[in-house]
Structure formats: structure tokens, C-alpha cells
Amino acid sequence: MKSLELFSGAGGLAEGLKLSGFEHVGLLEYNKDACNTLRVNFPKHQVFEQDIRDFDFQQFQNIDLLGGGPPCQPFSLGGKAKGQQDKRDMFPYAIRGIRSLTPKAFVFENVKGLLRQSFASYFNYIILQLTYPEVKQLDNENWNDHLGRLEKIHTSGQHSGLKYNVVYRLINAANYGIPQKRERVIIVGIRNDLELEWSFPKETHSSDSLIWDKFVTKEYWDRNQVPLSQRESPDDLLKKKIEKLKSQYGFFAPESKPWITVREALNGLPNPESKSNTIPDHLFRDGAKSYPGHTGSYIDEPSKTIKAGDHGVPGGENMIRYSDGRVRYFTIREAKRIQTFPDNYEITGSWTEGMRQLGNAVPVGLSTIIGKELNKKLSCQQSIKNIGLTRVS
């Protein structure tokens, strides 16, 4: 299965799709630092350091999957949120790629802010354009008029051209075994003529199971060899939650697995301040401070969202918080673990640049899970098609 990726960034989605069986023919990225990272982890000829507005899609043919993470700044809760008025809104160019290549499927990732009420009409516009990519905006037509035309086509049910069945979901990565509470919108489209059904993979992990593991069986602390003095004591609100879970589940634990915590994700890594630490991307960085709105990620919970940051030090909240209240910045190696990159995946540049790249990335583990489900669907369809051709011949 051949894949072309747009807005590749540091390669989180690309690495996950590769691990799920897709073969990349190209990775398009505009940022030079991210391109440097891509070149040391993927074949150099696959990396296109280029503005998508000038990209020639026609150089690729027979693409099975088009993927990517269009820039999130136009919709980010932490940004100016100009949406469609932001020049960084690249969804129109992703749609142009679909129109040009007609892939069997596409998968795009973006921030939770895309679903906010103020963007409701424009998000509907994005979904309808992805559904009917051949229905282009006319020269004398503004986006609202184009939306109206797309709505009429959609409700008439009479469109006979290129069409995709589009499904989207707000996903918390922690519910799929990623050691990070990261909420992102995932949009998947499958070409209508393939007649394939799609649903997102079932969630496998939960907060309830972690609470049960910590405070009912207490196996979490024993498994991770946490001294009694460092174990969390539940406050009154959490105690009520624990009693509610006991009442709900009785003697049996929840079926899902416990959320994976920072402590578990970093298992096996030495203290970055240790003199015996020789890991190149595991260097201690001083200066971390805790204050309201900037408290770090508690070691016995999944990490808060790893952030890229817009001003000053990228990801100033990207800190680990110990049981005694101490905080320090995550190292690059630790942030890779939180984003489920392989340890041998190299992030180039300084700590600041590396954290920016990691903050913008899709967790590798999450993209692998979605990629495997897509690959299974598309491969099954291809096998059925091949059997049909064999019978005809």
C-alpha cells in the first residue's frame, strides 16, 4: 500500500503508517528543521522540502493513502484562532491533493479547537469538501456560497463524481495506550466506490482502570516498585470516585487496561542529572518552575499534552512533576517516549527545536493503530478485487 504524506512535521504519523505496513513514496514538509529530522529517519529521496502551494501532485500516481496533519494554528485553542481567515489554513491544499490523486483513503489529524462552536460552519465546509473534492470553489464564489452549493449536492444524493465517505472523531490518545492525555480530531475518508465500511478502532485503556489499579488492588504501585512514602493519597473527590467504581464493578476490575503513566513510559531511563547518563538526547535542562497554569505532568498519570508552544520556550508546560512537588523539564528522549517514538528515532536540532517538533507530532503509537485498521480494510478490498479479476480471466 503506497502512501503520500503532507505536512509531515517530525514524522509521527509517517512512522506510525510505516510500522502499520504502508510504503511511503513521499513526505512533504515546509519547515527545514523538521525536514532535517525526516531525512535522518527516512530515505532522503522521500523527503520534499517544499511549500504545498507549489507542490506538483501529478508526479505521483496510484496512491493508496494520503495522510498528514494540516497546520493547527488557525484552530488552536492556544493561538489566535482565525480559522479560514488564517493564511496558514492548508486544508484547501490537502483537498487539492485528494482531487489530483484520488487515493483510496485519506487520514488527517488536527487540534480539538477545530470542533469549537465558532468554527462549526467552516468545519462542516471542510468535511463536505473532503466528501466531494471535485466540486471546486468557483472564481466568483466565497466560501459560504460554496458551502451552500455543497450542502445542496449532499442532500440531493445525486452526485455521480468522485466521493469519499468521511468519518471524524475527537480522540484522547490515552484511551489507546499512549502515555499522554492528548485530544485530537482524526478525520478518515474512504473512496465511495470501494464500498468499505469504517469505524475507529475500539478504545483499549481508561482512567477508571488506572484508578482501580492504584487504589483498589494497588497493583500499580507494587508493579512499579514505588515506595510507600511516594504513593499518591486520594483526596475526598477521588475517594468518592473510588467508591463509585467499587459499586459499579463489584469485585471485578474494568475490562479496559489502565492508562499508561509517565512513570511507566520512562521506565529504564536513568536520571538525566546522573553522571553515568550517556544518552545523547537525554540531557538535563535547568530552569523549570511551577506556577498556576504551569504545573507539569504528574509522574503517576499520563502526561499532559506535549506542546509545541508559540512564544518563548516551546512547550514550557512540558515538565515532569514528582510526588514531592519537584518539577523539571522533559528531556528529548523522555518526550519521545511520551509521544511513543522509538528510542532510536532521531530528533534533530536543539532542545527548544526538538520540543517544538515533538509537540506538533502525532503519537506514533496512535497512528500505528489507525494505520493498521486502514491497511487491513484496504488490503482486504484489494484481495477481493484480485480474486474477481482471476475468476474473470
Protein backbone atom coordinates (compact mmCIF):
# COMPACT_ATOMS: atom_id res chain seq x y z
CA MET A 1 0.00 0.00 0.00
CA LYS A 2 1.56 3.28 -1.15
CA SER A 3 1.29 6.40 0.98
CA LEU A 4 1.99 10.09 0.36
CA GLU A 5 2.14 12.32 3.40
CA LEU A 6 1.54 16.08 3.53
CA PHE A 7 2.59 18.37 6.41
CA SER A 8 4.83 15.58 7.72
CA GLY A 9 6.45 17.52 10.56
CA ALA A 10 8.80 15.34 12.61
CA GLY A 11 7.23 12.19 11.18
CA GLY A 12 4.95 10.85 13.93
CA LEU A 13 2.16 9.96 11.53
CA ALA A 14 4.66 8.82 8.88
CA GLU A 15 6.47 6.49 11.28
CA GLY A 16 3.20 5.01 12.51
CA LEU A 17 1.92 4.43 8.99
CA LYS A 18 5.23 2.81 8.06
CA LEU A 19 5.01 0.49 11.06
CA SER A 20 1.45 -0.39 10.06
CA GLY A 21 2.58 -1.55 6.62
CA PHE A 22 2.30 1.46 4.33
CA GLU A 23 5.11 2.25 1.91
CA HIS A 24 5.88 5.96 1.69
CA VAL A 25 6.58 7.42 -1.74
CA GLY A 26 6.90 10.98 -0.45
CA LEU A 27 6.95 13.07 2.73
CA LEU A 28 6.13 16.73 2.13
CA GLU A 29 7.18 19.30 4.71
CA TYR A 30 7.92 23.03 4.57
CA ASN A 31 9.90 23.51 7.81
CA LYS A 32 13.62 22.98 7.26
CA ASP A 33 14.31 21.67 10.79
CA ALA A 34 11.55 19.10 10.54
CA CYS A 35 12.91 18.10 7.12
CA ASN A 36 16.31 17.51 8.69
CA THR A 37 14.64 15.14 11.17
CA LEU A 38 12.79 13.34 8.37
CA ARG A 39 15.99 12.87 6.36
CA VAL A 40 17.80 11.06 9.16
CA ASN A 41 14.89 8.69 9.78
CA PHE A 42 13.58 8.04 6.26
CA PRO A 43 15.26 7.67 2.86
CA LYS A 44 16.38 11.16 1.81
CA HIS A 45 14.77 10.89 -1.62
CA GLN A 46 11.35 10.57 0.01
CA VAL A 47 11.59 13.98 1.69
CA PHE A 48 10.28 17.00 -0.22
CA GLU A 49 11.21 20.28 1.49
CA GLN A 50 8.62 22.40 -0.25
CA ASP A 51 5.57 24.61 0.16
CA ILE A 52 2.44 22.58 -0.58
CA ARG A 53 1.08 25.53 -2.56
CA ASP A 54 3.77 24.85 -5.16
CA PHE A 55 3.74 21.06 -4.95
CA ASP A 56 3.15 19.01 -8.09
CA PHE A 57 0.88 16.15 -7.07
CA GLN A 58 0.90 14.70 -10.57
CA GLN A 59 4.43 13.34 -10.13
CA PHE A 60 2.81 10.57 -8.05
CA GLN A 61 0.33 8.01 -9.32
CA ASN A 62 -1.64 5.12 -7.82
CA ILE A 63 -1.52 6.42 -4.26
CA ASP A 64 -3.47 4.29 -1.82
CA LEU A 65 -3.37 6.63 1.17
CA LEU A 66 -2.94 10.38 1.57
CA GLY A 67 -2.14 11.48 5.11
CA GLY A 68 -0.97 14.44 7.12
CA GLY A 69 -1.56 17.00 9.83
CA PRO A 70 -2.50 20.38 8.32
CA PRO A 71 -1.16 23.26 10.44
CA CYS A 72 -3.20 23.53 13.62
CA GLN A 73 -2.51 27.19 14.48
CA PRO A 74 -5.63 28.53 12.68
CA PHE A 75 -7.81 26.42 15.00
CA SER A 76 -5.70 26.00 18.14
CA LEU A 77 -7.20 26.99 21.50
CA GLY A 78 -3.81 28.48 22.34
CA GLY A 79 -3.49 30.52 19.14
CA LYS A 80 -5.33 33.46 17.56
CA ALA A 81 -7.96 31.09 16.09
CA LYS A 82 -8.58 32.94 12.85
CA GLY A 83 -9.68 29.72 11.17
CA GLN A 84 -10.38 30.12 7.47
CA GLN A 85 -9.07 33.71 7.59
CA ASP A 86 -5.62 32.48 8.63
CA LYS A 87 -3.17 32.16 5.74
CA ARG A 88 -1.82 29.02 7.43
CA ASP A 89 -5.10 27.18 6.80
CA MET A 90 -3.84 24.45 4.48
CA PHE A 91 -6.97 22.30 4.26
CA PRO A 92 -7.75 23.68 0.76
CA TYR A 93 -4.40 22.34 -0.48
CA ALA A 94 -4.92 18.95 1.17
CA ILE A 95 -8.24 18.79 -0.67
CA ARG A 96 -6.46 19.68 -3.91
CA GLY A 97 -4.18 16.70 -3.29
CA ILE A 98 -7.17 14.39 -2.94
CA ARG A 99 -8.71 15.79 -6.11
CA SER A 100 -5.48 15.29 -8.04
CA LEU A 101 -4.57 11.79 -6.81
CA THR A 102 -7.97 10.23 -5.94
CA PRO A 103 -6.38 7.97 -3.28
CA LYS A 104 -8.32 5.04 -1.89
CA ALA A 105 -8.31 6.71 1.52
CA PHE A 106 -7.00 9.66 3.49
CA VAL A 107 -6.32 10.38 7.15
CA PHE A 108 -5.81 13.84 8.63
CA GLU A 109 -5.13 14.97 12.19
CA ASN A 110 -5.83 18.33 13.80
CA VAL A 111 -6.43 20.03 17.15
CA LYS A 112 -9.53 19.82 19.30
CA GLY A 113 -10.14 23.52 18.62
CA LEU A 114 -11.31 22.62 15.13
CA LEU A 115 -14.58 21.47 16.76
CA ARG A 116 -15.29 24.65 18.70
CA GLN A 117 -18.66 26.26 18.06
CA SER A 118 -17.21 29.33 16.34
CA PHE A 119 -15.74 27.08 13.63
CA ALA A 120 -18.83 24.89 13.20
CA SER A 121 -19.77 26.17 9.74
CA TYR A 122 -16.22 26.09 8.46
CA PHE A 123 -15.60 22.59 9.83
CA ASN A 124 -18.75 21.43 8.04
CA TYR A 125 -17.33 23.10 4.93
CA ILE A 126 -14.06 21.16 5.32
CA ILE A 127 -15.91 17.84 5.71
CA LEU A 128 -18.11 18.47 2.64
CA GLN A 129 -15.08 19.44 0.54
CA LEU A 130 -13.35 16.23 1.62
CA THR A 131 -16.51 14.34 0.71
CA TYR A 132 -16.82 15.94 -2.75
CA PRO A 133 -13.26 17.06 -3.64
CA GLU A 134 -14.08 17.57 -7.34
CA VAL A 135 -16.68 20.24 -6.56
CA LYS A 136 -14.28 23.19 -6.62
CA GLN A 137 -14.92 26.71 -5.41
CA LEU A 138 -15.71 29.00 -8.34
CA ASP A 139 -13.70 32.16 -9.00
CA ASN A 140 -16.61 34.43 -8.13
CA GLU A 141 -17.78 32.36 -5.17
CA ASN A 142 -16.98 32.96 -1.49
CA TRP A 143 -16.65 30.02 0.88
CA ASN A 144 -20.16 30.47 2.32
CA ASP A 145 -21.71 30.24 -1.14
CA HIS A 146 -19.54 27.25 -1.96
CA LEU A 147 -20.69 25.61 1.30
CA GLY A 148 -24.31 26.18 0.28
CA ARG A 149 -23.72 24.52 -3.08
CA LEU A 150 -22.01 21.55 -1.42
CA GLU A 151 -24.91 21.19 1.02
CA LYS A 152 -27.38 21.02 -1.87
CA ILE A 153 -25.30 18.34 -3.59
CA HIS A 154 -25.02 16.39 -0.36
CA THR A 155 -28.73 16.45 0.43
CA SER A 156 -29.79 15.69 -3.14
CA GLY A 157 -27.96 12.36 -3.13
CA GLN A 158 -27.46 12.66 -6.89
CA HIS A 159 -23.69 13.27 -7.10
CA SER A 160 -22.10 10.82 -9.54
CA GLY A 161 -18.47 12.00 -9.42
CA LEU A 162 -15.60 11.42 -7.00
CA LYS A 163 -16.90 10.98 -3.48
CA TYR A 164 -15.47 9.92 -0.12
CA ASN A 165 -17.24 8.54 2.91
CA VAL A 166 -15.83 10.73 5.68
CA VAL A 167 -15.82 9.95 9.40
CA TYR A 168 -14.21 12.01 12.15
CA ARG A 169 -13.77 11.60 15.89
CA LEU A 170 -12.26 13.50 18.78
CA ILE A 171 -9.76 11.02 20.21
CA ASN A 172 -7.94 11.05 23.53
CA ALA A 173 -4.65 9.27 22.84
CA ALA A 174 -4.50 7.99 26.44
CA ASN A 175 -7.52 5.78 25.69
CA TYR A 176 -5.39 3.94 23.11
CA GLY A 177 -2.43 3.23 25.37
CA ILE A 178 -0.46 6.41 24.72
CA PRO A 179 1.07 7.80 27.95
CA GLN A 180 -0.38 11.23 27.24
CA LYS A 181 -3.77 12.93 27.61
CA ARG A 182 -3.77 14.34 24.09
CA GLU A 183 -7.09 15.16 22.43
CA ARG A 184 -7.02 15.45 18.66
CA VAL A 185 -9.51 15.31 15.82
CA ILE A 186 -8.84 12.44 13.41
CA ILE A 187 -10.57 12.58 10.01
CA VAL A 188 -10.70 9.46 7.84
CA GLY A 189 -12.16 9.23 4.35
CA ILE A 190 -12.55 6.15 2.14
CA ARG A 191 -13.41 6.41 -1.55
CA ASN A 192 -17.08 5.66 -2.05
CA ASP A 193 -16.66 3.24 -4.97
CA LEU A 194 -14.67 0.84 -2.75
CA GLU A 195 -17.82 0.18 -0.72
CA LEU A 196 -15.86 -0.25 2.50
CA GLU A 197 -17.21 0.29 6.00
CA TRP A 198 -15.09 2.17 8.52
CA SER A 199 -15.19 2.73 12.24
CA PHE A 200 -12.40 3.84 14.53
CA PRO A 201 -10.60 1.11 16.49
CA LYS A 202 -12.09 0.36 19.89
CA GLU A 203 -10.53 2.17 22.85
CA THR A 204 -8.35 -0.12 24.95
CA HIS A 205 -7.38 1.89 28.05
CA SER A 206 -9.22 4.03 30.59
CA SER A 207 -8.86 6.34 33.59
CA ASP A 208 -11.23 4.09 35.57
CA SER A 209 -8.84 1.17 35.19
CA LEU A 210 -5.87 3.26 36.34
CA ILE A 211 -7.78 4.42 39.43
CA TRP A 212 -8.73 0.78 40.13
CA ASP A 213 -5.13 -0.31 39.64
CA LYS A 214 -3.87 2.37 42.04
CA PHE A 215 -6.43 2.44 44.82
CA VAL A 216 -8.46 -0.78 44.74
CA THR A 217 -5.90 -3.50 44.00
CA LYS A 218 -2.91 -1.15 44.48
CA GLU A 219 -1.07 -3.28 41.95
CA TYR A 220 0.18 -0.18 40.14
CA TRP A 221 2.45 0.85 43.00
CA ASP A 222 3.78 -2.65 43.56
CA ARG A 223 4.38 -3.26 39.85
CA ASN A 224 6.35 -0.04 39.53
CA GLN A 225 8.16 -0.52 42.87
CA VAL A 226 7.03 2.84 44.25
CA PRO A 227 7.95 3.33 47.93
CA LEU A 228 5.05 3.89 50.34
CA SER A 229 6.22 7.44 51.01
CA GLN A 230 5.85 8.34 47.32
CA ARG A 231 2.43 6.80 46.73
CA GLU A 232 -0.49 9.08 46.00
CA SER A 233 -3.11 9.57 48.71
CA PRO A 234 -6.59 10.17 47.25
CA ASP A 235 -8.38 13.39 48.20
CA ASP A 236 -12.08 13.48 49.11
CA LEU A 237 -13.20 13.87 45.49
CA LEU A 238 -11.12 10.91 44.35
CA LYS A 239 -12.31 8.81 47.29
CA LYS A 240 -15.90 9.30 46.08
CA LYS A 241 -14.81 8.24 42.60
CA ILE A 242 -13.18 5.10 44.00
CA GLU A 243 -16.31 4.15 45.93
CA LYS A 244 -18.42 4.72 42.84
CA LEU A 245 -16.15 2.40 40.82
CA LYS A 246 -16.36 -0.29 43.51
CA SER A 247 -20.12 -0.05 43.42
CA GLN A 248 -20.14 -0.16 39.62
CA TYR A 249 -17.71 -3.05 39.11
CA GLY A 250 -18.01 -5.02 42.34
CA PHE A 251 -15.12 -7.46 42.72
CA PHE A 252 -14.16 -7.36 39.05
CA ALA A 253 -11.80 -4.81 37.51
CA PRO A 254 -12.90 -2.75 34.48
CA GLU A 255 -12.38 -4.63 31.20
CA SER A 256 -10.09 -1.97 29.75
CA LYS A 257 -6.41 -1.66 30.56
CA PRO A 258 -5.16 1.13 32.85
CA TRP A 259 -3.99 4.37 31.32
CA ILE A 260 -0.20 4.31 30.93
CA THR A 261 1.57 6.82 33.15
CA VAL A 262 4.68 8.96 32.78
CA ARG A 263 6.49 6.71 35.25
CA GLU A 264 5.77 3.64 33.12
CA ALA A 265 6.66 5.38 29.87
CA LEU A 266 10.06 6.43 31.20
CA ASN A 267 10.85 3.06 32.76
CA GLY A 268 14.51 2.11 32.27
CA LEU A 269 15.79 5.63 31.61
CA PRO A 270 18.45 6.92 34.03
CA ASN A 271 18.13 10.21 35.87
CA PRO A 272 19.27 12.81 33.29
CA GLU A 273 21.30 14.55 36.02
CA SER A 274 23.24 11.36 36.75
CA LYS A 275 26.93 11.39 35.84
CA SER A 276 26.52 7.89 34.45
CA ASN A 277 23.92 9.08 31.93
CA THR A 278 25.44 8.85 28.43
CA ILE A 279 22.26 9.06 26.32
CA PRO A 280 22.77 11.93 23.84
CA ASP A 281 19.15 13.12 23.74
CA HIS A 282 18.55 12.64 27.48
CA LEU A 283 20.28 15.76 28.77
CA PHE A 284 19.07 17.64 31.84
CA ARG A 285 17.78 21.16 31.21
CA ASP A 286 17.59 23.53 34.16
CA GLY A 287 15.11 26.33 34.81
CA ALA A 288 11.77 24.54 35.20
CA LYS A 289 9.38 26.30 37.58
CA SER A 290 5.87 25.58 38.73
CA TYR A 291 3.17 28.25 38.94
CA PRO A 292 -0.60 28.41 38.24
CA GLY A 293 -1.34 27.04 34.78
CA HIS A 294 2.20 25.71 34.54
CA THR A 295 2.37 22.73 36.88
CA GLY A 296 3.84 19.93 34.77
CA SER A 297 2.72 16.33 34.33
CA TYR A 298 2.31 14.24 37.46
CA ILE A 299 4.56 11.19 37.25
CA ASP A 300 1.79 8.73 38.10
CA GLU A 301 -0.69 9.96 35.48
CA PRO A 302 -0.44 10.09 31.69
CA SER A 303 1.39 13.22 30.62
CA LYS A 304 -0.45 16.37 29.79
CA THR A 305 -0.33 17.21 26.10
CA ILE A 306 3.23 17.71 24.86
CA LYS A 307 3.10 21.21 23.38
CA ALA A 308 4.99 22.96 20.62
CA GLY A 309 4.48 26.46 22.04
CA ASP A 310 4.06 29.71 20.15
CA HIS A 311 6.02 32.17 22.26
CA GLY A 312 9.25 31.84 24.23
CA VAL A 313 10.41 28.34 25.12
CA PRO A 314 8.25 25.87 23.16
CA GLY A 315 6.29 23.63 25.46
CA GLY A 316 7.03 25.48 28.70
CA GLU A 317 4.49 23.16 30.33
CA ASN A 318 6.46 20.10 29.16
CA MET A 319 7.65 19.16 32.64
CA ILE A 320 7.55 16.10 34.86
CA ARG A 321 6.12 16.61 38.36
CA TYR A 322 7.22 14.30 41.17
CA SER A 323 5.19 13.27 44.20
CA ASP A 324 7.05 15.78 46.41
CA GLY A 325 6.17 18.68 44.09
CA ARG A 326 9.54 19.00 42.35
CA VAL A 327 9.44 19.70 38.61
CA ARG A 328 11.94 19.52 35.79
CA TYR A 329 11.72 19.70 32.01
CA PHE A 330 11.29 16.53 29.99
CA THR A 331 14.39 15.60 28.01
CA ILE A 332 14.04 14.93 24.28
CA ARG A 333 14.33 11.18 24.95
CA GLU A 334 11.54 11.38 27.52
CA ALA A 335 9.30 13.46 25.24
CA LYS A 336 9.86 10.86 22.51
CA ARG A 337 8.71 8.17 24.94
CA ILE A 338 5.60 10.23 25.77
CA GLN A 339 4.89 10.60 22.03
CA THR A 340 5.68 6.87 21.55
CA PHE A 341 8.52 7.40 19.10
CA PRO A 342 11.09 4.58 19.05
CA ASP A 343 14.17 5.37 21.15
CA ASN A 344 16.35 5.20 18.02
CA TYR A 345 14.22 7.77 16.16
CA GLU A 346 16.41 10.86 15.93
CA ILE A 347 15.00 14.35 16.54
CA THR A 348 17.45 16.91 15.17
CA GLY A 349 18.21 20.39 16.45
CA SER A 350 18.36 21.99 19.90
CA TRP A 351 16.14 21.07 22.85
CA THR A 352 13.88 24.01 22.01
CA GLU A 353 13.55 23.00 18.37
CA GLY A 354 13.21 19.32 19.24
CA MET A 355 10.38 20.00 21.68
CA ARG A 356 8.62 22.11 19.05
CA GLN A 357 8.79 19.24 16.58
CA LEU A 358 7.60 16.70 19.14
CA GLY A 359 4.78 18.97 20.30
CA ASN A 360 3.44 19.14 16.75
CA ALA A 361 3.74 15.40 16.11
CA VAL A 362 1.07 12.69 16.04
CA PRO A 363 1.86 9.98 18.62
CA VAL A 364 3.46 7.12 16.70
CA GLY A 365 1.52 4.50 18.63
CA LEU A 366 -1.82 6.12 17.80
CA SER A 367 -1.03 6.48 14.09
CA THR A 368 0.08 2.83 14.04
CA ILE A 369 -3.25 1.69 15.48
CA ILE A 370 -5.25 3.71 12.95
CA GLY A 371 -2.88 2.78 10.13
CA LYS A 372 -3.22 -0.95 10.81
CA GLU A 373 -7.01 -0.72 10.66
CA LEU A 374 -6.87 1.23 7.39
CA ASN A 375 -4.32 -1.14 5.89
CA LYS A 376 -6.45 -4.14 6.84
CA LYS A 377 -9.54 -2.62 5.21
CA LEU A 378 -7.78 -1.57 2.01
CA SER A 379 -5.79 -4.80 1.68
CA CYS A 380 -8.92 -6.89 2.12
CA GLN A 381 -10.65 -4.89 -0.60
CA GLN A 382 -7.64 -5.31 -2.91
CA SER A 383 -7.59 -9.09 -2.29
CA ILE A 384 -11.28 -9.38 -3.19
CA LYS A 385 -10.67 -7.36 -6.35
CA ASN A 386 -7.73 -9.58 -7.35
CA ILE A 387 -9.81 -12.74 -6.81
CA GLY A 388 -12.50 -11.28 -9.05
CA LEU A 389 -10.02 -10.49 -11.80
CA THR A 390 -8.58 -14.02 -11.59
CA ARG A 391 -12.01 -15.56 -11.99
CA VAL A 392 -12.82 -13.35 -14.99
CA SER A 393 -9.55 -14.26 -16.75
